[in-house]
Amino acid sequence: MQDDVKKLIFSVFALFILVIVVWVGFVFFSGCGLSLNCEKGARIPERTPIPTLIPAALPVMQLSAEQPKVTCQIASVDLIGAWVSAGYSETEAFEFTDITGQSCTASFKNDVQPLLLEGNIWFTGAPACTTCHNATLNQETAGMDLSTYEGMLAGSRRTSADVMGNDIFGGGTWEASLLYKMLYLEKKMPQGRPEDSPAEGPIIFAGSAQAAE
């Protein structure tokens, strides 16, 4: 009789542990999926890669003076490249052609700079570029400050805030620039970028379509 009671107690206890394990597993899988970093639970920012593209076969919407301009779609690396090729001005607008063939206009402050200052853009869980490349100018981060326009102009491999470093814009030749090498050729930025991510970066909404003449 005593053995039966012990067996019953052990059975109830084992069942209780099993229920706890199943419940914890269900909660973890719901929040994290098959990943151990729980990226599914991360907050998605407003500026995020476009998951699907608008079919190119759709008719182009005609804009009138009363209608708001359509936001354009372009790969993030291509957007930065268009800005650099246009002279990388801090204030002047620059033009580019988006993935649907629209002629578009963008600016450094509204469209290019957020790609450096905001996280979770280049890939899920991506840190902002300025997490490493900021005014601290560490040797480990190439002595490069991407947190301000002035810092970008000052270049890389700087030893202090009052010295100029190496030009990261290639003198306006995008394919010769350090940014092109790091973003497109080697895909080293931002840190932790997956090897299978597209070299041109994620497709994003940027700029606005130019009004038809």
C-alpha atoms as a PDB file:
ATOM      1  CA  MET A   1       0.000   0.000   0.000  1.00  0.00           C
ATOM      2  CA  GLN A   2       2.813   2.415   0.864  1.00  0.00           C
ATOM      3  CA  ASP A   3       4.589   1.654  -2.417  1.00  0.00           C
ATOM      4  CA  ASP A   4       1.419   2.452  -4.342  1.00  0.00           C
ATOM      5  CA  VAL A   5       1.167   5.818  -2.610  1.00  0.00           C
ATOM      6  CA  LYS A   6       4.800   6.608  -3.466  1.00  0.00           C
ATOM      7  CA  LYS A   7       4.230   5.645  -7.095  1.00  0.00           C
ATOM      8  CA  LEU A   8       1.180   7.882  -7.219  1.00  0.00           C
ATOM      9  CA  ILE A   9       3.085  10.822  -5.727  1.00  0.00           C
ATOM     10  CA  PHE A  10       5.983  10.355  -8.152  1.00  0.00           C
ATOM     11  CA  SER A  11       3.565  10.071 -11.082  1.00  0.00           C
ATOM     12  CA  VAL A  12       1.780  13.292 -10.126  1.00  0.00           C
ATOM     13  CA  PHE A  13       5.101  15.084  -9.637  1.00  0.00           C
ATOM     14  CA  ALA A  14       6.440  13.854 -13.007  1.00  0.00           C
ATOM     15  CA  LEU A  15       3.239  14.925 -14.726  1.00  0.00           C
ATOM     16  CA  PHE A  16       3.512  18.360 -13.111  1.00  0.00           C
ATOM     17  CA  ILE A  17       7.113  18.758 -14.352  1.00  0.00           C
ATOM     18  CA  LEU A  18       6.075  17.638 -17.836  1.00  0.00           C
ATOM     19  CA  VAL A  19       3.266  20.206 -17.954  1.00  0.00           C
ATOM     20  CA  ILE A  20       5.692  22.977 -16.883  1.00  0.00           C
ATOM     21  CA  VAL A  21       8.246  21.976 -19.536  1.00  0.00           C
ATOM     22  CA  VAL A  22       5.598  21.858 -22.274  1.00  0.00           C
ATOM     23  CA  TRP A  23       4.205  25.252 -21.230  1.00  0.00           C
ATOM     24  CA  VAL A  24       7.657  26.918 -21.122  1.00  0.00           C
ATOM     25  CA  GLY A  25       8.528  25.375 -24.486  1.00  0.00           C
ATOM     26  CA  PHE A  26       5.303  26.680 -26.012  1.00  0.00           C
ATOM     27  CA  VAL A  27       5.910  30.209 -24.695  1.00  0.00           C
ATOM     28  CA  PHE A  28       9.538  30.204 -25.923  1.00  0.00           C
ATOM     29  CA  PHE A  29       8.614  28.900 -29.381  1.00  0.00           C
ATOM     30  CA  SER A  30       5.840  31.482 -29.715  1.00  0.00           C
ATOM     31  CA  GLY A  31       8.196  34.347 -28.886  1.00  0.00           C
ATOM     32  CA  CYS A  32      11.446  33.145 -30.410  1.00  0.00           C
ATOM     33  CA  GLY A  33      10.631  30.479 -32.994  1.00  0.00           C
ATOM     34  CA  LEU A  34      13.631  28.272 -33.691  1.00  0.00           C
ATOM     35  CA  SER A  35      16.115  31.064 -32.932  1.00  0.00           C
ATOM     36  CA  LEU A  36      17.883  31.438 -29.601  1.00  0.00           C
ATOM     37  CA  ASN A  37      18.151  35.224 -29.917  1.00  0.00           C
ATOM     38  CA  CYS A  38      14.382  35.808 -29.806  1.00  0.00           C
ATOM     39  CA  GLU A  39      14.462  38.167 -32.800  1.00  0.00           C
ATOM     40  CA  LYS A  40      10.744  37.547 -33.353  1.00  0.00           C
ATOM     41  CA  GLY A  41      10.076  39.559 -30.245  1.00  0.00           C
ATOM     42  CA  ALA A  42      12.054  42.583 -31.426  1.00  0.00           C
ATOM     43  CA  ARG A  43      10.136  45.770 -32.172  1.00  0.00           C
ATOM     44  CA  ILE A  44      10.011  46.479 -35.893  1.00  0.00           C
ATOM     45  CA  PRO A  45      10.915  50.120 -36.630  1.00  0.00           C
ATOM     46  CA  GLU A  46       8.941  52.360 -38.928  1.00  0.00           C
ATOM     47  CA  ARG A  47      11.737  52.364 -41.522  1.00  0.00           C
ATOM     48  CA  THR A  48      12.070  48.689 -42.347  1.00  0.00           C
ATOM     49  CA  PRO A  49      12.979  46.634 -45.440  1.00  0.00           C
ATOM     50  CA  ILE A  50      10.033  46.101 -47.781  1.00  0.00           C
ATOM     51  CA  PRO A  51       8.937  42.438 -47.541  1.00  0.00           C
ATOM     52  CA  THR A  52       7.257  42.363 -50.942  1.00  0.00           C
ATOM     53  CA  LEU A  53       7.551  44.518 -54.026  1.00  0.00           C
ATOM     54  CA  ILE A  54       4.741  46.151 -55.972  1.00  0.00           C
ATOM     55  CA  PRO A  55       4.365  44.323 -59.323  1.00  0.00           C
ATOM     56  CA  ALA A  56       5.978  46.328 -62.094  1.00  0.00           C
ATOM     57  CA  ALA A  57       3.013  45.552 -64.345  1.00  0.00           C
ATOM     58  CA  LEU A  58       0.696  47.775 -62.335  1.00  0.00           C
ATOM     59  CA  PRO A  59      -0.128  51.091 -64.035  1.00  0.00           C
ATOM     60  CA  VAL A  60       1.852  54.075 -62.815  1.00  0.00           C
ATOM     61  CA  MET A  61      -0.327  56.406 -60.780  1.00  0.00           C
ATOM     62  CA  GLN A  62      -0.644  59.831 -62.336  1.00  0.00           C
ATOM     63  CA  LEU A  63       0.039  62.610 -59.875  1.00  0.00           C
ATOM     64  CA  SER A  64      -1.678  65.957 -59.786  1.00  0.00           C
ATOM     65  CA  ALA A  65      -0.729  69.068 -57.879  1.00  0.00           C
ATOM     66  CA  GLU A  66      -3.294  68.171 -55.218  1.00  0.00           C
ATOM     67  CA  GLN A  67      -2.074  64.596 -54.724  1.00  0.00           C
ATOM     68  CA  PRO A  68       0.817  63.694 -52.404  1.00  0.00           C
ATOM     69  CA  LYS A  69       3.963  62.480 -54.119  1.00  0.00           C
ATOM     70  CA  VAL A  70       4.498  58.730 -54.161  1.00  0.00           C
ATOM     71  CA  THR A  71       7.273  57.362 -51.970  1.00  0.00           C
ATOM     72  CA  CYS A  72       9.897  55.519 -54.023  1.00  0.00           C
ATOM     73  CA  GLN A  73      11.509  52.119 -53.524  1.00  0.00           C
ATOM     74  CA  ILE A  74      15.241  51.497 -53.819  1.00  0.00           C
ATOM     75  CA  ALA A  75      17.959  49.249 -52.422  1.00  0.00           C
ATOM     76  CA  SER A  76      19.690  50.927 -49.488  1.00  0.00           C
ATOM     77  CA  VAL A  77      23.207  50.642 -50.958  1.00  0.00           C
ATOM     78  CA  ASP A  78      21.990  52.055 -54.277  1.00  0.00           C
ATOM     79  CA  LEU A  79      20.447  55.017 -52.457  1.00  0.00           C
ATOM     80  CA  ILE A  80      23.719  55.821 -50.690  1.00  0.00           C
ATOM     81  CA  GLY A  81      25.548  55.377 -53.992  1.00  0.00           C
ATOM     82  CA  ALA A  82      23.232  57.823 -55.750  1.00  0.00           C
ATOM     83  CA  TRP A  83      23.855  60.371 -53.001  1.00  0.00           C
ATOM     84  CA  VAL A  84      27.644  59.964 -53.162  1.00  0.00           C
ATOM     85  CA  SER A  85      27.662  60.126 -56.976  1.00  0.00           C
ATOM     86  CA  ALA A  86      25.598  63.322 -56.826  1.00  0.00           C
ATOM     87  CA  GLY A  87      28.277  65.015 -54.696  1.00  0.00           C
ATOM     88  CA  TYR A  88      27.151  63.876 -51.203  1.00  0.00           C
ATOM     89  CA  SER A  89      25.689  67.231 -50.177  1.00  0.00           C
ATOM     90  CA  GLU A  90      24.255  67.638 -46.708  1.00  0.00           C
ATOM     91  CA  THR A  91      21.459  69.979 -47.769  1.00  0.00           C
ATOM     92  CA  GLU A  92      20.891  69.727 -51.522  1.00  0.00           C
ATOM     93  CA  ALA A  93      18.442  67.155 -52.870  1.00  0.00           C
ATOM     94  CA  PHE A  94      19.688  64.453 -55.223  1.00  0.00           C
ATOM     95  CA  GLU A  95      17.960  62.369 -57.875  1.00  0.00           C
ATOM     96  CA  PHE A  96      17.764  58.638 -58.450  1.00  0.00           C
ATOM     97  CA  THR A  97      15.704  56.115 -60.406  1.00  0.00           C
ATOM     98  CA  ASP A  98      13.838  53.644 -58.231  1.00  0.00           C
ATOM     99  CA  ILE A  99      13.216  49.944 -58.868  1.00  0.00           C
ATOM    100  CA  THR A 100      10.010  50.660 -60.787  1.00  0.00           C
ATOM    101  CA  GLY A 101      11.693  53.167 -63.104  1.00  0.00           C
ATOM    102  CA  GLN A 102      10.350  56.293 -61.416  1.00  0.00           C
ATOM    103  CA  SER A 103      12.460  59.441 -61.300  1.00  0.00           C
ATOM    104  CA  CYS A 104      12.749  60.314 -57.641  1.00  0.00           C
ATOM    105  CA  THR A 105      14.242  62.948 -55.358  1.00  0.00           C
ATOM    106  CA  ALA A 106      15.744  62.366 -51.922  1.00  0.00           C
ATOM    107  CA  SER A 107      17.918  64.100 -49.358  1.00  0.00           C
ATOM    108  CA  PHE A 108      20.727  63.176 -47.006  1.00  0.00           C
ATOM    109  CA  LYS A 109      18.903  64.109 -43.804  1.00  0.00           C
ATOM    110  CA  ASN A 110      15.580  62.430 -44.564  1.00  0.00           C
ATOM    111  CA  ASP A 111      16.682  59.386 -46.529  1.00  0.00           C
ATOM    112  CA  VAL A 112      20.400  58.582 -46.319  1.00  0.00           C
ATOM    113  CA  GLN A 113      21.297  59.470 -42.744  1.00  0.00           C
ATOM    114  CA  PRO A 114      18.594  57.256 -41.155  1.00  0.00           C
ATOM    115  CA  LEU A 115      20.289  54.244 -42.765  1.00  0.00           C
ATOM    116  CA  LEU A 116      23.289  54.980 -40.530  1.00  0.00           C
ATOM    117  CA  LEU A 117      21.528  56.164 -37.380  1.00  0.00           C
ATOM    118  CA  GLU A 118      18.716  53.635 -37.043  1.00  0.00           C
ATOM    119  CA  GLY A 119      18.963  49.961 -36.118  1.00  0.00           C
ATOM    120  CA  ASN A 120      17.078  46.954 -37.463  1.00  0.00           C
ATOM    121  CA  ILE A 121      17.209  48.191 -41.071  1.00  0.00           C
ATOM    122  CA  TRP A 122      19.919  46.212 -42.849  1.00  0.00           C
ATOM    123  CA  PHE A 123      18.784  42.924 -41.317  1.00  0.00           C
ATOM    124  CA  THR A 124      16.637  41.821 -38.412  1.00  0.00           C
ATOM    125  CA  GLY A 125      18.336  42.849 -35.204  1.00  0.00           C
ATOM    126  CA  ALA A 126      20.968  44.948 -37.006  1.00  0.00           C
ATOM    127  CA  PRO A 127      22.711  47.549 -34.826  1.00  0.00           C
ATOM    128  CA  ALA A 128      22.882  51.136 -36.031  1.00  0.00           C
ATOM    129  CA  CYS A 129      26.137  51.891 -37.850  1.00  0.00           C
ATOM    130  CA  THR A 130      26.785  54.610 -35.287  1.00  0.00           C
ATOM    131  CA  THR A 131      26.783  52.055 -32.473  1.00  0.00           C
ATOM    132  CA  CYS A 132      30.448  51.533 -33.376  1.00  0.00           C
ATOM    133  CA  HIS A 133      31.329  54.381 -35.732  1.00  0.00           C
ATOM    134  CA  ASN A 134      30.838  57.473 -33.605  1.00  0.00           C
ATOM    135  CA  ALA A 135      32.760  60.370 -32.091  1.00  0.00           C
ATOM    136  CA  THR A 136      34.672  58.018 -29.796  1.00  0.00           C
ATOM    137  CA  LEU A 137      37.013  57.242 -32.743  1.00  0.00           C
ATOM    138  CA  ASN A 138      38.280  53.914 -31.482  1.00  0.00           C
ATOM    139  CA  GLN A 139      41.034  52.196 -33.402  1.00  0.00           C
ATOM    140  CA  GLU A 140      38.894  49.047 -33.456  1.00  0.00           C
ATOM    141  CA  THR A 141      36.183  50.911 -35.395  1.00  0.00           C
ATOM    142  CA  ALA A 142      38.536  52.421 -37.988  1.00  0.00           C
ATOM    143  CA  GLY A 143      38.534  55.843 -36.309  1.00  0.00           C
ATOM    144  CA  MET A 144      35.398  56.733 -38.286  1.00  0.00           C
ATOM    145  CA  ASP A 145      32.448  58.824 -37.119  1.00  0.00           C
ATOM    146  CA  LEU A 146      29.198  58.265 -39.023  1.00  0.00           C
ATOM    147  CA  SER A 147      26.996  59.977 -36.458  1.00  0.00           C
ATOM    148  CA  THR A 148      27.227  63.414 -38.127  1.00  0.00           C
ATOM    149  CA  TYR A 149      27.742  64.749 -41.621  1.00  0.00           C
ATOM    150  CA  GLU A 150      30.891  66.540 -40.489  1.00  0.00           C
ATOM    151  CA  GLY A 151      32.205  63.322 -39.013  1.00  0.00           C
ATOM    152  CA  MET A 152      31.649  61.516 -42.293  1.00  0.00           C
ATOM    153  CA  LEU A 153      33.498  64.226 -44.224  1.00  0.00           C
ATOM    154  CA  ALA A 154      36.423  63.942 -41.807  1.00  0.00           C
ATOM    155  CA  GLY A 155      36.955  60.367 -42.997  1.00  0.00           C
ATOM    156  CA  SER A 156      38.367  57.221 -41.424  1.00  0.00           C
ATOM    157  CA  ARG A 157      41.514  56.281 -39.495  1.00  0.00           C
ATOM    158  CA  ARG A 158      41.340  59.447 -37.425  1.00  0.00           C
ATOM    159  CA  THR A 159      43.284  59.594 -34.181  1.00  0.00           C
ATOM    160  CA  SER A 160      41.406  62.550 -32.711  1.00  0.00           C
ATOM    161  CA  ALA A 161      38.491  64.860 -33.418  1.00  0.00           C
ATOM    162  CA  ASP A 162      40.689  67.679 -34.715  1.00  0.00           C
ATOM    163  CA  VAL A 163      42.440  65.740 -37.494  1.00  0.00           C
ATOM    164  CA  MET A 164      41.285  64.684 -40.934  1.00  0.00           C
ATOM    165  CA  GLY A 165      41.374  61.063 -41.990  1.00  0.00           C
ATOM    166  CA  ASN A 166      40.991  59.098 -45.203  1.00  0.00           C
ATOM    167  CA  ASP A 167      38.210  60.054 -47.613  1.00  0.00           C
ATOM    168  CA  ILE A 168      35.363  57.503 -47.388  1.00  0.00           C
ATOM    169  CA  PHE A 169      33.465  58.859 -50.406  1.00  0.00           C
ATOM    170  CA  GLY A 170      36.044  58.152 -53.098  1.00  0.00           C
ATOM    171  CA  GLY A 171      36.012  61.797 -54.137  1.00  0.00           C
ATOM    172  CA  GLY A 172      32.461  61.280 -55.424  1.00  0.00           C
ATOM    173  CA  THR A 173      33.272  58.092 -57.358  1.00  0.00           C
ATOM    174  CA  TRP A 174      31.024  55.580 -55.638  1.00  0.00           C
ATOM    175  CA  GLU A 175      32.741  52.396 -56.842  1.00  0.00           C
ATOM    176  CA  ALA A 176      36.094  53.726 -55.550  1.00  0.00           C
ATOM    177  CA  SER A 177      34.816  54.687 -52.109  1.00  0.00           C
ATOM    178  CA  LEU A 178      35.385  52.992 -48.766  1.00  0.00           C
ATOM    179  CA  LEU A 179      31.630  52.927 -48.174  1.00  0.00           C
ATOM    180  CA  TYR A 180      31.110  50.966 -51.404  1.00  0.00           C
ATOM    181  CA  LYS A 181      33.772  48.474 -50.348  1.00  0.00           C
ATOM    182  CA  MET A 182      32.348  47.978 -46.858  1.00  0.00           C
ATOM    183  CA  LEU A 183      28.674  47.973 -47.817  1.00  0.00           C
ATOM    184  CA  TYR A 184      28.666  46.231 -51.189  1.00  0.00           C
ATOM    185  CA  LEU A 185      31.900  44.378 -51.946  1.00  0.00           C
ATOM    186  CA  GLU A 186      32.665  42.980 -48.496  1.00  0.00           C
ATOM    187  CA  LYS A 187      29.272  43.428 -46.786  1.00  0.00           C
ATOM    188  CA  LYS A 188      31.013  44.152 -43.470  1.00  0.00           C
ATOM    189  CA  MET A 189      28.689  46.932 -42.387  1.00  0.00           C
ATOM    190  CA  PRO A 190      26.645  46.901 -40.221  1.00  0.00           C
ATOM    191  CA  GLN A 191      28.435  44.450 -37.942  1.00  0.00           C
ATOM    192  CA  GLY A 192      26.956  40.968 -38.000  1.00  0.00           C
ATOM    193  CA  ARG A 193      25.454  41.297 -41.471  1.00  0.00           C
ATOM    194  CA  PRO A 194      24.549  37.777 -42.707  1.00  0.00           C
ATOM    195  CA  GLU A 195      26.636  36.373 -45.546  1.00  0.00           C
ATOM    196  CA  ASP A 196      23.509  35.504 -47.533  1.00  0.00           C
ATOM    197  CA  SER A 197      22.098  39.034 -47.365  1.00  0.00           C
ATOM    198  CA  PRO A 198      21.850  40.852 -50.722  1.00  0.00           C
ATOM    199  CA  ALA A 199      24.934  42.917 -51.544  1.00  0.00           C
ATOM    200  CA  GLU A 200      22.782  45.898 -52.501  1.00  0.00           C
ATOM    201  CA  GLY A 201      21.081  45.818 -49.106  1.00  0.00           C
ATOM    202  CA  PRO A 202      17.367  45.694 -48.333  1.00  0.00           C
ATOM    203  CA  ILE A 203      14.766  47.449 -50.482  1.00  0.00           C
ATOM    204  CA  ILE A 204      13.435  50.455 -48.586  1.00  0.00           C
ATOM    205  CA  PHE A 205      11.002  53.327 -49.081  1.00  0.00           C
ATOM    206  CA  ALA A 206      12.896  56.555 -49.660  1.00  0.00           C
ATOM    207  CA  GLY A 207      12.467  59.936 -51.297  1.00  0.00           C
ATOM    208  CA  SER A 208       9.486  60.881 -53.420  1.00  0.00           C
ATOM    209  CA  ALA A 209       8.544  60.655 -57.063  1.00  0.00           C
ATOM    210  CA  GLN A 210       9.076  63.717 -59.205  1.00  0.00           C
ATOM    211  CA  ALA A 211       5.908  65.223 -60.614  1.00  0.00           C
ATOM    212  CA  ALA A 212       5.325  64.404 -64.268  1.00  0.00           C
ATOM    213  CA  GLU A 213       5.883  67.360 -66.570  1.00  0.00           C
END
